Amino acid sequence: MASSMQTDADNRELIAFRVGRQEFCINVMMVREIRGWTAATALPRSPRYVKGVINLRGAVLPIVDLAVRLGLPGTEPTARNVIIVVMIGHQQIGLLVDAVSDILTTNDNNIQPSPDVSSDLVKTFVKGLLPVDGRMISLIGLDNVLPAGEMEAA
């Protein structure tokens, strides 16, 4: 009986979403809200993956095009896109994604390590792979979405 209690404690919930034709997931505990696309105000001289900023209840929220940050073709946002508002450290950031697809419950035993053939960029973000219904969903860590200097500037 102790082992089943241990497994319940090890379970974690992940929110799955699409970026382009790929699926990714993050820890649901990092997510503050999911909202529809709102046009962002561009910031001069910002990195290519920063779409701009929006006003979120009086706070300035930087919007990161997650596709560009992950090395994929950029997103041309439409009303169908969503912003996942996440908390990274003490900074709230909006992640522009194509759609949220699912909430998954899993444990560490189900998460496969990233293959050694991955590029350094992939290894920076992808913390593991989760096989779900015949497809692979990349578990990403958000600690490096904005480099340390840009976290403070944002």
N, C-alpha and C. Protein backbone atom coordinates (compact mmCIF):
# COMPACT_ATOMS: atom_id res chain seq x y z
N MET A 1 0.83 -1.19 0.00
CA MET A 1 0.00 0.00 0.00
C MET A 1 0.87 1.25 0.00
N ALA A 2 2.00 1.24 0.64
CA ALA A 2 2.88 2.40 0.70
C ALA A 2 3.36 2.78 -0.71
N SER A 3 3.55 1.78 -1.57
CA SER A 3 4.05 2.10 -2.91
C SER A 3 3.03 2.88 -3.73
N SER A 4 1.72 2.58 -3.57
CA SER A 4 0.72 3.33 -4.33
C SER A 4 0.63 4.77 -3.84
N MET A 5 0.84 4.98 -2.54
CA MET A 5 0.85 6.35 -2.03
C MET A 5 2.05 7.10 -2.60
N GLN A 6 3.17 6.41 -2.72
CA GLN A 6 4.37 7.01 -3.28
C GLN A 6 4.11 7.42 -4.73
N THR A 7 3.45 6.57 -5.52
CA THR A 7 3.19 6.86 -6.93
C THR A 7 2.28 8.08 -7.06
N ASP A 8 1.26 8.18 -6.21
CA ASP A 8 0.37 9.33 -6.27
C ASP A 8 1.15 10.61 -6.01
N ALA A 9 2.08 10.56 -5.07
CA ALA A 9 2.86 11.75 -4.74
C ALA A 9 3.80 12.11 -5.91
N ASP A 10 4.23 11.10 -6.67
CA ASP A 10 5.15 11.35 -7.79
C ASP A 10 4.42 11.85 -9.03
N ASN A 11 3.10 11.70 -9.08
CA ASN A 11 2.35 12.14 -10.26
C ASN A 11 2.48 13.64 -10.42
N ARG A 12 2.53 14.05 -11.67
CA ARG A 12 2.54 15.48 -11.96
C ARG A 12 1.60 15.75 -13.13
N GLU A 13 1.02 16.92 -13.11
CA GLU A 13 0.13 17.30 -14.20
C GLU A 13 0.89 18.22 -15.14
N LEU A 14 0.69 17.96 -16.42
CA LEU A 14 1.34 18.74 -17.47
C LEU A 14 0.27 19.29 -18.40
N ILE A 15 0.50 20.48 -18.92
CA ILE A 15 -0.42 21.04 -19.89
C ILE A 15 0.25 20.90 -21.26
N ALA A 16 -0.46 20.26 -22.18
CA ALA A 16 0.08 20.01 -23.52
C ALA A 16 -0.46 21.06 -24.48
N PHE A 17 0.41 21.46 -25.43
CA PHE A 17 0.02 22.47 -26.41
C PHE A 17 0.77 22.23 -27.70
N ARG A 18 0.25 22.84 -28.77
CA ARG A 18 0.87 22.71 -30.09
C ARG A 18 1.60 23.98 -30.46
N VAL A 19 2.76 23.79 -31.05
CA VAL A 19 3.52 24.87 -31.68
C VAL A 19 3.88 24.33 -33.06
N GLY A 20 3.28 24.92 -34.09
CA GLY A 20 3.46 24.36 -35.43
C GLY A 20 2.85 22.98 -35.47
N ARG A 21 3.62 22.02 -35.97
CA ARG A 21 3.10 20.64 -36.05
C ARG A 21 3.59 19.77 -34.90
N GLN A 22 4.22 20.38 -33.91
CA GLN A 22 4.77 19.62 -32.80
C GLN A 22 4.00 19.88 -31.53
N GLU A 23 4.05 18.88 -30.63
CA GLU A 23 3.39 19.01 -29.34
C GLU A 23 4.44 19.10 -28.24
N PHE A 24 4.15 19.98 -27.29
CA PHE A 24 5.03 20.18 -26.15
C PHE A 24 4.17 20.17 -24.90
N CYS A 25 4.81 20.06 -23.74
CA CYS A 25 4.08 20.19 -22.50
C CYS A 25 4.98 20.84 -21.46
N ILE A 26 4.33 21.48 -20.48
CA ILE A 26 5.02 22.09 -19.36
C ILE A 26 4.28 21.74 -18.09
N ASN A 27 4.94 21.92 -16.96
CA ASN A 27 4.32 21.65 -15.67
C ASN A 27 3.16 22.62 -15.47
N VAL A 28 2.00 22.09 -15.16
CA VAL A 28 0.80 22.92 -15.01
C VAL A 28 0.94 23.91 -13.85
N MET A 29 1.82 23.63 -12.90
CA MET A 29 2.01 24.52 -11.75
C MET A 29 2.65 25.85 -12.16
N MET A 30 3.28 25.90 -13.31
CA MET A 30 3.89 27.15 -13.78
C MET A 30 2.86 28.06 -14.46
N VAL A 31 1.72 27.48 -14.85
CA VAL A 31 0.72 28.22 -15.64
C VAL A 31 -0.16 29.04 -14.71
N ARG A 32 -0.28 30.33 -15.03
CA ARG A 32 -1.15 31.23 -14.27
C ARG A 32 -2.51 31.38 -14.95
N GLU A 33 -2.51 31.43 -16.28
CA GLU A 33 -3.76 31.51 -17.03
C GLU A 33 -3.50 31.24 -18.50
N ILE A 34 -4.58 30.97 -19.20
CA ILE A 34 -4.53 30.78 -20.65
C ILE A 34 -5.52 31.77 -21.22
N ARG A 35 -5.07 32.57 -22.17
CA ARG A 35 -5.94 33.61 -22.71
C ARG A 35 -5.83 33.65 -24.23
N GLY A 36 -6.81 34.23 -24.85
CA GLY A 36 -6.78 34.39 -26.30
C GLY A 36 -5.70 35.37 -26.72
N TRP A 37 -5.37 35.36 -28.01
CA TRP A 37 -4.35 36.24 -28.54
C TRP A 37 -4.79 37.69 -28.41
N THR A 38 -3.91 38.52 -27.94
CA THR A 38 -4.08 39.96 -27.88
C THR A 38 -2.90 40.57 -28.60
N ALA A 39 -3.16 41.53 -29.49
CA ALA A 39 -2.06 42.15 -30.23
C ALA A 39 -1.05 42.75 -29.26
N ALA A 40 0.22 42.49 -29.53
CA ALA A 40 1.30 42.95 -28.65
C ALA A 40 1.93 44.21 -29.23
N THR A 41 2.39 45.08 -28.36
CA THR A 41 3.12 46.27 -28.75
C THR A 41 4.59 45.89 -28.90
N ALA A 42 5.13 46.08 -30.10
CA ALA A 42 6.52 45.70 -30.36
C ALA A 42 7.47 46.57 -29.54
N LEU A 43 8.57 45.98 -29.13
CA LEU A 43 9.62 46.71 -28.43
C LEU A 43 10.82 46.85 -29.35
N PRO A 44 11.36 48.06 -29.50
CA PRO A 44 12.53 48.23 -30.37
C PRO A 44 13.73 47.43 -29.84
N ARG A 45 14.49 46.88 -30.77
CA ARG A 45 15.74 46.17 -30.46
C ARG A 45 15.55 44.95 -29.56
N SER A 46 14.34 44.39 -29.54
CA SER A 46 14.13 43.18 -28.74
C SER A 46 14.52 41.97 -29.58
N PRO A 47 14.84 40.84 -28.93
CA PRO A 47 15.17 39.63 -29.69
C PRO A 47 14.01 39.23 -30.60
N ARG A 48 14.34 38.52 -31.66
CA ARG A 48 13.33 38.12 -32.66
C ARG A 48 12.19 37.31 -32.06
N TYR A 49 12.46 36.56 -31.00
CA TYR A 49 11.43 35.71 -30.41
C TYR A 49 10.50 36.47 -29.45
N VAL A 50 10.78 37.73 -29.16
CA VAL A 50 9.89 38.52 -28.31
C VAL A 50 8.94 39.28 -29.23
N LYS A 51 7.65 38.90 -29.20
CA LYS A 51 6.64 39.53 -30.05
C LYS A 51 6.35 40.95 -29.61
N GLY A 52 6.54 41.23 -28.33
CA GLY A 52 6.25 42.54 -27.76
C GLY A 52 5.69 42.38 -26.36
N VAL A 53 4.90 43.36 -25.93
CA VAL A 53 4.32 43.32 -24.59
C VAL A 53 2.83 43.62 -24.68
N ILE A 54 2.09 43.11 -23.70
CA ILE A 54 0.67 43.45 -23.57
C ILE A 54 0.45 43.91 -22.13
N ASN A 55 -0.68 44.58 -21.92
CA ASN A 55 -1.07 45.01 -20.59
C ASN A 55 -1.98 43.92 -20.02
N LEU A 56 -1.54 43.31 -18.94
CA LEU A 56 -2.34 42.27 -18.29
C LEU A 56 -2.72 42.77 -16.91
N ARG A 57 -3.93 43.30 -16.80
CA ARG A 57 -4.43 43.84 -15.53
C ARG A 57 -3.43 44.80 -14.89
N GLY A 58 -2.92 45.72 -15.68
CA GLY A 58 -2.01 46.74 -15.17
C GLY A 58 -0.55 46.36 -15.15
N ALA A 59 -0.22 45.12 -15.45
CA ALA A 59 1.18 44.69 -15.48
C ALA A 59 1.64 44.51 -16.93
N VAL A 60 2.89 44.85 -17.20
CA VAL A 60 3.45 44.67 -18.53
C VAL A 60 3.90 43.22 -18.66
N LEU A 61 3.35 42.53 -19.67
CA LEU A 61 3.63 41.11 -19.86
C LEU A 61 4.36 40.91 -21.18
N PRO A 62 5.65 40.49 -21.15
CA PRO A 62 6.35 40.20 -22.40
C PRO A 62 5.77 38.94 -23.03
N ILE A 63 5.62 38.96 -24.37
CA ILE A 63 5.08 37.83 -25.11
C ILE A 63 6.21 37.20 -25.93
N VAL A 64 6.48 35.93 -25.66
CA VAL A 64 7.53 35.18 -26.36
C VAL A 64 6.88 34.26 -27.38
N ASP A 65 7.32 34.38 -28.64
CA ASP A 65 6.88 33.45 -29.68
C ASP A 65 7.66 32.16 -29.44
N LEU A 66 7.01 31.19 -28.82
CA LEU A 66 7.70 29.97 -28.42
C LEU A 66 8.26 29.21 -29.62
N ALA A 67 7.59 29.31 -30.76
CA ALA A 67 8.10 28.64 -31.97
C ALA A 67 9.49 29.17 -32.32
N VAL A 68 9.64 30.49 -32.37
CA VAL A 68 10.94 31.08 -32.71
C VAL A 68 11.97 30.73 -31.66
N ARG A 69 11.58 30.78 -30.39
CA ARG A 69 12.52 30.48 -29.30
C ARG A 69 13.02 29.04 -29.37
N LEU A 70 12.17 28.15 -29.87
CA LEU A 70 12.55 26.74 -29.98
C LEU A 70 13.22 26.43 -31.32
N GLY A 71 13.46 27.46 -32.14
CA GLY A 71 14.14 27.25 -33.41
C GLY A 71 13.23 26.81 -34.54
N LEU A 72 11.93 26.98 -34.38
CA LEU A 72 10.95 26.61 -35.41
C LEU A 72 10.54 27.86 -36.17
N PRO A 73 9.85 27.72 -37.31
CA PRO A 73 9.36 28.90 -38.03
C PRO A 73 8.42 29.72 -37.13
N GLY A 74 8.51 31.04 -37.25
CA GLY A 74 7.73 31.95 -36.41
C GLY A 74 6.23 31.80 -36.60
N THR A 75 5.47 32.29 -35.63
CA THR A 75 4.02 32.24 -35.64
C THR A 75 3.47 33.58 -36.10
N GLU A 76 2.54 33.55 -37.06
CA GLU A 76 1.78 34.75 -37.41
C GLU A 76 0.48 34.64 -36.62
N PRO A 77 0.38 35.37 -35.50
CA PRO A 77 -0.76 35.17 -34.61
C PRO A 77 -2.10 35.56 -35.25
N THR A 78 -3.10 34.75 -34.93
CA THR A 78 -4.48 35.01 -35.34
C THR A 78 -5.35 34.85 -34.10
N ALA A 79 -6.63 35.05 -34.26
CA ALA A 79 -7.57 34.90 -33.14
C ALA A 79 -7.57 33.47 -32.60
N ARG A 80 -7.07 32.52 -33.37
CA ARG A 80 -7.06 31.12 -32.92
C ARG A 80 -5.88 30.80 -32.01
N ASN A 81 -4.85 31.64 -32.01
CA ASN A 81 -3.69 31.41 -31.15
C ASN A 81 -4.03 31.74 -29.70
N VAL A 82 -3.24 31.20 -28.79
CA VAL A 82 -3.44 31.49 -27.37
C VAL A 82 -2.12 31.90 -26.73
N ILE A 83 -2.27 32.58 -25.62
CA ILE A 83 -1.11 32.97 -24.81
C ILE A 83 -1.23 32.20 -23.50
N ILE A 84 -0.19 31.44 -23.19
CA ILE A 84 -0.12 30.75 -21.90
C ILE A 84 0.71 31.65 -20.99
N VAL A 85 0.09 32.18 -19.96
CA VAL A 85 0.80 33.05 -19.01
C VAL A 85 1.45 32.15 -17.96
N VAL A 86 2.78 32.23 -17.88
CA VAL A 86 3.53 31.38 -16.96
C VAL A 86 4.34 32.25 -16.01
N MET A 87 4.68 31.68 -14.88
CA MET A 87 5.54 32.35 -13.92
C MET A 87 6.88 31.63 -13.94
N ILE A 88 7.93 32.38 -14.29
CA ILE A 88 9.29 31.83 -14.30
C ILE A 88 10.08 32.65 -13.28
N GLY A 89 10.42 32.03 -12.17
CA GLY A 89 11.05 32.79 -11.09
C GLY A 89 10.05 33.81 -10.58
N HIS A 90 10.41 35.08 -10.64
CA HIS A 90 9.51 36.15 -10.20
C HIS A 90 8.93 36.91 -11.38
N GLN A 91 9.09 36.40 -12.59
CA GLN A 91 8.68 37.09 -13.81
C GLN A 91 7.52 36.36 -14.48
N GLN A 92 6.46 37.10 -14.80
CA GLN A 92 5.38 36.54 -15.61
C GLN A 92 5.71 36.77 -17.07
N ILE A 93 5.51 35.73 -17.89
CA ILE A 93 5.79 35.79 -19.32
C ILE A 93 4.62 35.15 -20.04
N GLY A 94 4.28 35.68 -21.19
CA GLY A 94 3.26 35.08 -22.03
C GLY A 94 3.91 34.27 -23.13
N LEU A 95 3.50 33.03 -23.30
CA LEU A 95 4.04 32.16 -24.36
C LEU A 95 3.00 32.07 -25.46
N LEU A 96 3.35 32.52 -26.66
CA LEU A 96 2.45 32.42 -27.81
C LEU A 96 2.55 31.02 -28.38
N VAL A 97 1.42 30.30 -28.39
CA VAL A 97 1.36 28.94 -28.93
C VAL A 97 0.16 28.84 -29.87
N ASP A 98 0.11 27.76 -30.64
CA ASP A 98 -1.00 27.58 -31.57
C ASP A 98 -2.29 27.19 -30.86
N ALA A 99 -2.21 26.26 -29.92
CA ALA A 99 -3.41 25.81 -29.21
C ALA A 99 -3.00 24.97 -28.01
N VAL A 100 -3.82 25.01 -26.98
CA VAL A 100 -3.65 24.11 -25.85
C VAL A 100 -4.46 22.86 -26.17
N SER A 101 -3.87 21.69 -25.99
CA SER A 101 -4.54 20.47 -26.44
C SER A 101 -5.01 19.55 -25.33
N ASP A 102 -4.34 19.55 -24.17
CA ASP A 102 -4.67 18.52 -23.19
C ASP A 102 -4.04 18.84 -21.84
N ILE A 103 -4.56 18.20 -20.81
CA ILE A 103 -3.89 18.16 -19.51
C ILE A 103 -3.55 16.71 -19.25
N LEU A 104 -2.29 16.44 -19.02
CA LEU A 104 -1.82 15.07 -18.86
C LEU A 104 -1.39 14.83 -17.42
N THR A 105 -1.65 13.65 -16.91
CA THR A 105 -1.15 13.26 -15.60
C THR A 105 -0.16 12.13 -15.83
N THR A 106 1.04 12.29 -15.31
CA THR A 106 2.08 11.29 -15.51
C THR A 106 3.00 11.29 -14.31
N ASN A 107 3.98 10.41 -14.34
CA ASN A 107 5.02 10.45 -13.31
C ASN A 107 6.38 10.34 -14.00
N ASP A 108 7.43 10.55 -13.24
CA ASP A 108 8.78 10.61 -13.81
C ASP A 108 9.17 9.33 -14.54
N ASN A 109 8.59 8.19 -14.16
CA ASN A 109 8.94 6.92 -14.81
C ASN A 109 8.50 6.88 -16.27
N ASN A 110 7.47 7.66 -16.63
CA ASN A 110 6.97 7.68 -18.01
C ASN A 110 7.73 8.63 -18.91
N ILE A 111 8.56 9.50 -18.33
CA ILE A 111 9.27 10.50 -19.12
C ILE A 111 10.60 9.91 -19.58
N GLN A 112 10.78 9.86 -20.90
CA GLN A 112 12.00 9.31 -21.50
C GLN A 112 13.04 10.43 -21.65
N PRO A 113 14.32 10.11 -21.54
CA PRO A 113 15.34 11.15 -21.73
C PRO A 113 15.40 11.61 -23.19
N SER A 114 15.85 12.85 -23.40
CA SER A 114 16.03 13.35 -24.77
C SER A 114 17.16 12.56 -25.42
N PRO A 115 17.05 12.27 -26.73
CA PRO A 115 18.11 11.50 -27.39
C PRO A 115 19.40 12.31 -27.48
N ASP A 116 20.53 11.60 -27.51
CA ASP A 116 21.84 12.25 -27.58
C ASP A 116 22.06 12.99 -28.89
N VAL A 117 21.26 12.70 -29.91
CA VAL A 117 21.45 13.36 -31.21
C VAL A 117 20.86 14.76 -31.23
N SER A 118 20.21 15.18 -30.14
CA SER A 118 19.58 16.49 -30.08
C SER A 118 20.62 17.61 -30.15
N SER A 119 20.22 18.72 -30.75
CA SER A 119 21.10 19.89 -30.81
C SER A 119 21.18 20.52 -29.42
N ASP A 120 22.15 21.41 -29.24
CA ASP A 120 22.28 22.09 -27.96
C ASP A 120 21.05 22.93 -27.65
N LEU A 121 20.44 23.53 -28.70
CA LEU A 121 19.23 24.33 -28.49
C LEU A 121 18.12 23.45 -27.94
N VAL A 122 17.96 22.26 -28.52
CA VAL A 122 16.93 21.35 -28.04
C VAL A 122 17.21 20.95 -26.60
N LYS A 123 18.46 20.63 -26.30
CA LYS A 123 18.82 20.21 -24.94
C LYS A 123 18.60 21.32 -23.92
N THR A 124 18.68 22.58 -24.37
CA THR A 124 18.45 23.72 -23.48
C THR A 124 17.01 23.73 -22.98
N PHE A 125 16.07 23.32 -23.85
CA PHE A 125 14.65 23.40 -23.51
C PHE A 125 14.00 22.06 -23.21
N VAL A 126 14.28 21.04 -24.00
CA VAL A 126 13.60 19.76 -23.87
C VAL A 126 14.22 18.96 -22.73
N LYS A 127 13.38 18.70 -21.72
CA LYS A 127 13.84 17.98 -20.53
C LYS A 127 13.52 16.49 -20.59
N GLY A 128 12.73 16.10 -21.59
CA GLY A 128 12.38 14.70 -21.74
C GLY A 128 11.26 14.55 -22.75
N LEU A 129 10.95 13.31 -23.07
CA LEU A 129 9.88 13.00 -24.03
C LEU A 129 8.85 12.11 -23.36
N LEU A 130 7.60 12.41 -23.64
CA LEU A 130 6.51 11.67 -23.03
C LEU A 130 5.71 10.97 -24.12
N PRO A 131 5.76 9.61 -24.16
CA PRO A 131 4.95 8.89 -25.15
C PRO A 131 3.48 8.88 -24.71
N VAL A 132 2.59 9.38 -25.58
CA VAL A 132 1.16 9.44 -25.27
C VAL A 132 0.39 9.02 -26.52
N ASP A 133 -0.35 7.93 -26.43
CA ASP A 133 -1.21 7.47 -27.52
C ASP A 133 -0.49 7.42 -28.87
N GLY A 134 0.69 6.85 -28.89
CA GLY A 134 1.41 6.67 -30.15
C GLY A 134 2.14 7.91 -30.66
N ARG A 135 2.13 8.99 -29.91
CA ARG A 135 2.89 10.18 -30.33
C ARG A 135 3.83 10.58 -29.20
N MET A 136 4.81 11.40 -29.53
CA MET A 136 5.78 11.85 -28.54
C MET A 136 5.56 13.33 -28.26
N ILE A 137 5.44 13.67 -26.99
CA ILE A 137 5.27 15.06 -26.58
C ILE A 137 6.53 15.47 -25.83
N SER A 138 7.13 16.57 -26.24
CA SER A 138 8.36 17.06 -25.61
C SER A 138 8.03 17.83 -24.34
N LEU A 139 8.62 17.41 -23.23
CA LEU A 139 8.49 18.14 -21.97
C LEU A 139 9.55 19.23 -21.97
N ILE A 140 9.11 20.48 -21.89
CA ILE A 140 10.09 21.55 -21.93
C ILE A 140 10.20 22.24 -20.58
N GLY A 141 11.42 22.66 -20.29
CA GLY A 141 11.69 23.48 -19.11
C GLY A 141 11.73 24.93 -19.55
N LEU A 142 11.19 25.79 -18.76
CA LEU A 142 11.07 27.19 -19.16
C LEU A 142 12.16 28.09 -18.58
N ASP A 143 13.07 27.53 -17.78
CA ASP A 143 14.08 28.37 -17.13
C ASP A 143 14.91 29.18 -18.12
N ASN A 144 15.10 28.69 -19.35
CA ASN A 144 15.95 29.38 -20.33
C ASN A 144 15.18 30.07 -21.44
N VAL A 145 13.85 30.24 -21.27
CA VAL A 145 13.08 30.90 -22.33
C VAL A 145 13.58 32.31 -22.54
N LEU A 146 13.81 33.02 -21.44
CA LEU A 146 14.47 34.33 -21.53
C LEU A 146 15.81 34.19 -20.82
N PRO A 147 16.91 34.48 -21.51
CA PRO A 147 18.21 34.44 -20.83
C PRO A 147 18.22 35.41 -19.64
N ALA A 148 19.10 35.18 -18.67
CA ALA A 148 19.10 35.93 -17.41
C ALA A 148 19.06 37.44 -17.61
N GLY A 149 19.86 37.99 -18.48
CA GLY A 149 19.88 39.44 -18.71
C GLY A 149 18.55 39.93 -19.25
N GLU A 150 17.94 39.14 -20.12
CA GLU A 150 16.67 39.55 -20.72
C GLU A 150 15.52 39.38 -19.74
N MET A 151 15.64 38.47 -18.77
CA MET A 151 14.61 38.33 -17.75
C MET A 151 14.50 39.64 -16.98
N GLU A 152 15.66 40.22 -16.64
CA GLU A 152 15.66 41.46 -15.87
C GLU A 152 15.15 42.61 -16.72
N ALA A 153 15.54 42.64 -18.00
CA ALA A 153 15.11 43.72 -18.89
C ALA A 153 13.62 43.67 -19.15
N ALA A 154 13.06 42.45 -19.23
CA ALA A 154 11.62 42.30 -19.47
C ALA A 154 10.86 42.77 -18.28
